[in-house]
Amino acid sequence: MTLQLSPFLVDPRPANRSLSTGLLVLRVLTGGLMALHGAGKMVMPFTWMGESSPVPGVLQFLGAAAEFFGGLAWMVGVATPLAALGVAVTMLVGIAIAHIPLGDPFIRLSVMGVTSGPGESFGGLPTWLVRAGGRSAGGSGSSELATLYIAVSVLLLTAGPGRFSLDALLSRKLSARATA
């Protein structure tokens, strides 16, 4: 591994025990959820958006792989910067090509079990922000989950994976090898 590439693939930043514990819990939970989010897409990685999708198969594969393998990487804390960047870009693209064009709000509330129809405004707030019940035709309902994954990505890019990660172990081994 070259010296320029190593900080991108192995995050060497140390963190104290309590921060590292919090990062471990966050990485394992959100990483597992992200891996499951991408697992279904990995069954047909080049066509998961459908045969008639305008998105080329290779880009569909990159999105599915970023979700599945990025989630697994978060769980164990390896190549954390690369995984976080892949997840963030994939979620941003998902918001841009799936949620915004379909008119999905940022938050979709289920009010008294109402889940069909276009939804109504809630508390006088604009419908692009929040809708009570309903979902747009063909949409998933809201972009809040994708936005949450972007926030986790930003946190892992800025804070690192913590000391309880393979990145930390590899970083210690690389440092020991460099000083030997």
C-alpha atoms as a PDB file:
ATOM      1  CA  MET A   1       0.000   0.000   0.000  1.00  0.00           C
ATOM      2  CA  THR A   2       1.445   3.342  -1.027  1.00  0.00           C
ATOM      3  CA  LEU A   3       1.836   6.116   1.484  1.00  0.00           C
ATOM      4  CA  GLN A   4      -0.576   8.438  -0.405  1.00  0.00           C
ATOM      5  CA  LEU A   5      -3.338   5.807  -0.629  1.00  0.00           C
ATOM      6  CA  SER A   6      -3.065   4.463   2.900  1.00  0.00           C
ATOM      7  CA  PRO A   7      -4.948   7.293   4.747  1.00  0.00           C
ATOM      8  CA  PHE A   8      -7.868   6.874   2.336  1.00  0.00           C
ATOM      9  CA  LEU A   9      -8.076   3.106   2.833  1.00  0.00           C
ATOM     10  CA  VAL A  10      -6.940   2.866   6.456  1.00  0.00           C
ATOM     11  CA  ASP A  11      -8.062   5.591   8.841  1.00  0.00           C
ATOM     12  CA  PRO A  12      -5.196   6.140  11.299  1.00  0.00           C
ATOM     13  CA  ARG A  13      -6.875   8.644  13.646  1.00  0.00           C
ATOM     14  CA  PRO A  14      -6.965   7.613  17.287  1.00  0.00           C
ATOM     15  CA  ALA A  15     -10.033   8.120  19.465  1.00  0.00           C
ATOM     16  CA  ASN A  16     -10.649   7.822  23.193  1.00  0.00           C
ATOM     17  CA  ARG A  17     -12.465   4.815  24.640  1.00  0.00           C
ATOM     18  CA  SER A  18     -15.930   6.352  25.077  1.00  0.00           C
ATOM     19  CA  LEU A  19     -15.969   7.913  21.591  1.00  0.00           C
ATOM     20  CA  SER A  20     -14.702   4.641  20.140  1.00  0.00           C
ATOM     21  CA  THR A  21     -17.468   2.718  21.912  1.00  0.00           C
ATOM     22  CA  GLY A  22     -20.109   5.040  20.489  1.00  0.00           C
ATOM     23  CA  LEU A  23     -18.580   4.799  17.020  1.00  0.00           C
ATOM     24  CA  LEU A  24     -18.497   0.996  17.294  1.00  0.00           C
ATOM     25  CA  VAL A  25     -22.218   0.833  18.142  1.00  0.00           C
ATOM     26  CA  LEU A  26     -23.050   3.274  15.344  1.00  0.00           C
ATOM     27  CA  ARG A  27     -20.892   1.424  12.802  1.00  0.00           C
ATOM     28  CA  VAL A  28     -22.246  -2.037  13.634  1.00  0.00           C
ATOM     29  CA  LEU A  29     -25.919  -0.993  13.639  1.00  0.00           C
ATOM     30  CA  THR A  30     -25.928   1.316  10.639  1.00  0.00           C
ATOM     31  CA  GLY A  31     -23.441  -0.856   8.775  1.00  0.00           C
ATOM     32  CA  GLY A  32     -25.659  -3.904   9.210  1.00  0.00           C
ATOM     33  CA  LEU A  33     -28.708  -1.959   8.058  1.00  0.00           C
ATOM     34  CA  MET A  34     -26.841  -0.527   5.075  1.00  0.00           C
ATOM     35  CA  ALA A  35     -25.553  -3.985   4.085  1.00  0.00           C
ATOM     36  CA  LEU A  36     -29.118  -5.323   4.220  1.00  0.00           C
ATOM     37  CA  HIS A  37     -30.273  -2.303   2.201  1.00  0.00           C
ATOM     38  CA  GLY A  38     -27.855  -3.327  -0.553  1.00  0.00           C
ATOM     39  CA  ALA A  39     -28.149  -7.119  -0.208  1.00  0.00           C
ATOM     40  CA  GLY A  40     -31.351  -7.393  -2.221  1.00  0.00           C
ATOM     41  CA  LYS A  41     -29.800  -5.307  -4.974  1.00  0.00           C
ATOM     42  CA  MET A  42     -26.746  -7.595  -5.077  1.00  0.00           C
ATOM     43  CA  VAL A  43     -28.991 -10.475  -6.201  1.00  0.00           C
ATOM     44  CA  MET A  44     -29.237  -8.745  -9.599  1.00  0.00           C
ATOM     45  CA  PRO A  45     -26.540  -6.077  -9.270  1.00  0.00           C
ATOM     46  CA  PHE A  46     -26.548  -4.851 -12.880  1.00  0.00           C
ATOM     47  CA  THR A  47     -30.341  -4.732 -13.306  1.00  0.00           C
ATOM     48  CA  TRP A  48     -31.848  -4.113  -9.854  1.00  0.00           C
ATOM     49  CA  MET A  49     -33.453  -0.884 -11.094  1.00  0.00           C
ATOM     50  CA  GLY A  50     -35.214  -2.783 -13.873  1.00  0.00           C
ATOM     51  CA  GLU A  51     -34.373  -3.696 -17.433  1.00  0.00           C
ATOM     52  CA  SER A  52     -35.728  -0.404 -18.802  1.00  0.00           C
ATOM     53  CA  SER A  53     -33.814   1.805 -16.355  1.00  0.00           C
ATOM     54  CA  PRO A  54     -31.885   4.677 -17.968  1.00  0.00           C
ATOM     55  CA  VAL A  55     -29.102   4.091 -15.413  1.00  0.00           C
ATOM     56  CA  PRO A  56     -26.328   1.952 -16.960  1.00  0.00           C
ATOM     57  CA  GLY A  57     -25.793  -1.471 -15.410  1.00  0.00           C
ATOM     58  CA  VAL A  58     -22.287  -0.662 -14.234  1.00  0.00           C
ATOM     59  CA  LEU A  59     -23.596   2.321 -12.241  1.00  0.00           C
ATOM     60  CA  GLN A  60     -26.374   0.171 -10.762  1.00  0.00           C
ATOM     61  CA  PHE A  61     -23.662  -2.303  -9.711  1.00  0.00           C
ATOM     62  CA  LEU A  62     -21.559   0.453  -8.124  1.00  0.00           C
ATOM     63  CA  GLY A  63     -24.572   1.663  -6.137  1.00  0.00           C
ATOM     64  CA  ALA A  64     -25.487  -1.830  -4.938  1.00  0.00           C
ATOM     65  CA  ALA A  65     -21.843  -2.621  -4.103  1.00  0.00           C
ATOM     66  CA  ALA A  66     -21.384   0.670  -2.218  1.00  0.00           C
ATOM     67  CA  GLU A  67     -24.410  -0.135  -0.062  1.00  0.00           C
ATOM     68  CA  PHE A  68     -23.647  -3.823   0.547  1.00  0.00           C
ATOM     69  CA  PHE A  69     -19.859  -3.787   0.872  1.00  0.00           C
ATOM     70  CA  GLY A  70     -19.832  -0.293   2.405  1.00  0.00           C
ATOM     71  CA  GLY A  71     -22.175  -1.545   5.118  1.00  0.00           C
ATOM     72  CA  LEU A  72     -19.976  -4.572   5.791  1.00  0.00           C
ATOM     73  CA  ALA A  73     -16.901  -2.309   5.892  1.00  0.00           C
ATOM     74  CA  TRP A  74     -18.616  -0.016   8.420  1.00  0.00           C
ATOM     75  CA  MET A  75     -19.443  -2.989  10.630  1.00  0.00           C
ATOM     76  CA  VAL A  76     -15.821  -4.072  10.998  1.00  0.00           C
ATOM     77  CA  GLY A  77     -14.318  -0.623  10.530  1.00  0.00           C
ATOM     78  CA  VAL A  78     -12.115  -1.302   7.517  1.00  0.00           C
ATOM     79  CA  ALA A  79     -11.506   1.142   4.653  1.00  0.00           C
ATOM     80  CA  THR A  80     -13.889   3.412   6.532  1.00  0.00           C
ATOM     81  CA  PRO A  81     -13.198   6.609   4.531  1.00  0.00           C
ATOM     82  CA  LEU A  82     -13.758   4.811   1.214  1.00  0.00           C
ATOM     83  CA  ALA A  83     -16.895   3.051   2.482  1.00  0.00           C
ATOM     84  CA  ALA A  84     -18.345   6.276   3.915  1.00  0.00           C
ATOM     85  CA  LEU A  85     -17.682   8.150   0.690  1.00  0.00           C
ATOM     86  CA  GLY A  86     -19.321   5.375  -1.368  1.00  0.00           C
ATOM     87  CA  VAL A  87     -22.399   5.275   0.854  1.00  0.00           C
ATOM     88  CA  ALA A  88     -22.752   9.086   0.893  1.00  0.00           C
ATOM     89  CA  VAL A  89     -22.506   9.400  -2.887  1.00  0.00           C
ATOM     90  CA  THR A  90     -24.950   6.529  -3.409  1.00  0.00           C
ATOM     91  CA  MET A  91     -27.492   8.061  -1.034  1.00  0.00           C
ATOM     92  CA  LEU A  92     -27.120  11.513  -2.631  1.00  0.00           C
ATOM     93  CA  VAL A  93     -27.713   9.994  -6.073  1.00  0.00           C
ATOM     94  CA  GLY A  94     -30.722   8.096  -4.699  1.00  0.00           C
ATOM     95  CA  ILE A  95     -32.226  11.317  -3.388  1.00  0.00           C
ATOM     96  CA  ALA A  96     -31.500  13.104  -6.672  1.00  0.00           C
ATOM     97  CA  ILE A  97     -32.857  10.453  -9.055  1.00  0.00           C
ATOM     98  CA  ALA A  98     -35.511   8.691  -6.985  1.00  0.00           C
ATOM     99  CA  HIS A  99     -36.904  10.898  -4.234  1.00  0.00           C
ATOM    100  CA  ILE A 100     -36.874  14.438  -5.624  1.00  0.00           C
ATOM    101  CA  PRO A 101     -38.271  13.622  -9.104  1.00  0.00           C
ATOM    102  CA  LEU A 102     -41.071  11.529  -7.581  1.00  0.00           C
ATOM    103  CA  GLY A 103     -42.045  14.313  -5.210  1.00  0.00           C
ATOM    104  CA  ASP A 104     -41.202  12.393  -2.038  1.00  0.00           C
ATOM    105  CA  PRO A 105     -41.147  14.655   1.021  1.00  0.00           C
ATOM    106  CA  PHE A 106     -38.213  14.721   3.402  1.00  0.00           C
ATOM    107  CA  ILE A 107     -40.384  13.114   6.098  1.00  0.00           C
ATOM    108  CA  ARG A 108     -43.542  11.047   5.632  1.00  0.00           C
ATOM    109  CA  LEU A 109     -45.578  10.658   8.782  1.00  0.00           C
ATOM    110  CA  SER A 110     -48.011   7.819   9.292  1.00  0.00           C
ATOM    111  CA  VAL A 111     -50.966   9.481  10.930  1.00  0.00           C
ATOM    112  CA  MET A 112     -53.635   7.130  12.271  1.00  0.00           C
ATOM    113  CA  GLY A 113     -52.579   4.417   9.837  1.00  0.00           C
ATOM    114  CA  VAL A 114     -53.092   6.505   6.691  1.00  0.00           C
ATOM    115  CA  THR A 115     -50.561   5.243   4.148  1.00  0.00           C
ATOM    116  CA  SER A 116     -52.217   5.563   0.743  1.00  0.00           C
ATOM    117  CA  GLY A 117     -52.815   8.557  -1.461  1.00  0.00           C
ATOM    118  CA  PRO A 118     -50.636  11.576  -2.067  1.00  0.00           C
ATOM    119  CA  GLY A 119     -50.630  12.720   1.557  1.00  0.00           C
ATOM    120  CA  GLU A 120     -51.551  16.018   3.068  1.00  0.00           C
ATOM    121  CA  SER A 121     -49.695  18.841   4.660  1.00  0.00           C
ATOM    122  CA  PHE A 122     -48.935  18.466   8.356  1.00  0.00           C
ATOM    123  CA  GLY A 123     -49.106  21.323  10.833  1.00  0.00           C
ATOM    124  CA  GLY A 124     -48.995  23.912   8.068  1.00  0.00           C
ATOM    125  CA  LEU A 125     -45.498  22.825   7.032  1.00  0.00           C
ATOM    126  CA  PRO A 126     -44.689  22.625   3.313  1.00  0.00           C
ATOM    127  CA  THR A 127     -45.390  19.212   1.741  1.00  0.00           C
ATOM    128  CA  TRP A 128     -41.833  18.928   0.375  1.00  0.00           C
ATOM    129  CA  LEU A 129     -40.699  18.845   4.013  1.00  0.00           C
ATOM    130  CA  VAL A 130     -43.344  16.665   5.635  1.00  0.00           C
ATOM    131  CA  ARG A 131     -46.485  14.874   4.547  1.00  0.00           C
ATOM    132  CA  ALA A 132     -49.009  13.163   6.751  1.00  0.00           C
ATOM    133  CA  GLY A 133     -49.662   9.730   5.291  1.00  0.00           C
ATOM    134  CA  GLY A 134     -49.519   8.880   1.642  1.00  0.00           C
ATOM    135  CA  ARG A 135     -46.646   8.397  -0.681  1.00  0.00           C
ATOM    136  CA  SER A 136     -45.833   9.535  -4.168  1.00  0.00           C
ATOM    137  CA  ALA A 137     -46.568   7.100  -6.994  1.00  0.00           C
ATOM    138  CA  GLY A 138     -43.614   4.745  -7.240  1.00  0.00           C
ATOM    139  CA  GLY A 139     -41.666   6.465  -4.502  1.00  0.00           C
ATOM    140  CA  SER A 140     -40.474   4.998  -1.246  1.00  0.00           C
ATOM    141  CA  GLY A 141     -42.258   7.659   0.707  1.00  0.00           C
ATOM    142  CA  SER A 142     -39.478   9.937   1.945  1.00  0.00           C
ATOM    143  CA  SER A 143     -35.788  10.762   1.754  1.00  0.00           C
ATOM    144  CA  GLU A 144     -35.190  10.841   5.516  1.00  0.00           C
ATOM    145  CA  LEU A 145     -33.421   7.441   5.684  1.00  0.00           C
ATOM    146  CA  ALA A 146     -31.049   8.290   2.830  1.00  0.00           C
ATOM    147  CA  THR A 147     -30.306  11.599   4.545  1.00  0.00           C
ATOM    148  CA  LEU A 148     -29.581   9.803   7.810  1.00  0.00           C
ATOM    149  CA  TYR A 149     -27.077   7.506   6.040  1.00  0.00           C
ATOM    150  CA  ILE A 150     -25.409  10.605   4.584  1.00  0.00           C
ATOM    151  CA  ALA A 151     -25.108  12.060   8.104  1.00  0.00           C
ATOM    152  CA  VAL A 152     -23.522   8.822   9.383  1.00  0.00           C
ATOM    153  CA  SER A 153     -21.118   8.921   6.433  1.00  0.00           C
ATOM    154  CA  VAL A 154     -20.111  12.493   7.260  1.00  0.00           C
ATOM    155  CA  LEU A 155     -19.598  11.547  10.908  1.00  0.00           C
ATOM    156  CA  LEU A 156     -17.374   8.595  10.000  1.00  0.00           C
ATOM    157  CA  LEU A 157     -15.424  10.725   7.522  1.00  0.00           C
ATOM    158  CA  THR A 158     -14.816  13.421  10.121  1.00  0.00           C
ATOM    159  CA  ALA A 159     -14.404  11.367  13.323  1.00  0.00           C
ATOM    160  CA  GLY A 160     -12.981   8.147  11.887  1.00  0.00           C
ATOM    161  CA  PRO A 161     -14.011   4.631  12.888  1.00  0.00           C
ATOM    162  CA  GLY A 162     -12.529   4.705  16.400  1.00  0.00           C
ATOM    163  CA  ARG A 163     -10.008   2.446  18.098  1.00  0.00           C
ATOM    164  CA  PHE A 164     -12.266  -0.640  17.991  1.00  0.00           C
ATOM    165  CA  SER A 165     -11.907  -1.116  14.234  1.00  0.00           C
ATOM    166  CA  LEU A 166      -9.788  -2.979  11.735  1.00  0.00           C
ATOM    167  CA  ASP A 167      -8.610   0.412  10.471  1.00  0.00           C
ATOM    168  CA  ALA A 168      -7.069   1.123  13.887  1.00  0.00           C
ATOM    169  CA  LEU A 169      -5.448  -2.324  14.022  1.00  0.00           C
ATOM    170  CA  LEU A 170      -4.044  -2.009  10.485  1.00  0.00           C
ATOM    171  CA  SER A 171      -2.832   1.508  11.226  1.00  0.00           C
ATOM    172  CA  ARG A 172      -0.918   0.282  14.293  1.00  0.00           C
ATOM    173  CA  LYS A 173       0.636  -2.533  12.251  1.00  0.00           C
ATOM    174  CA  LEU A 174       1.597  -0.176   9.420  1.00  0.00           C
ATOM    175  CA  SER A 175       3.154   2.244  11.933  1.00  0.00           C
ATOM    176  CA  ALA A 176       5.101  -0.556  13.596  1.00  0.00           C
ATOM    177  CA  ARG A 177       6.347  -1.767  10.217  1.00  0.00           C
ATOM    178  CA  ALA A 178       7.416   1.757   9.216  1.00  0.00           C
ATOM    179  CA  THR A 179       9.435   2.263  12.421  1.00  0.00           C
ATOM    180  CA  ALA A 180      11.048  -1.189  12.271  1.00  0.00           C
END
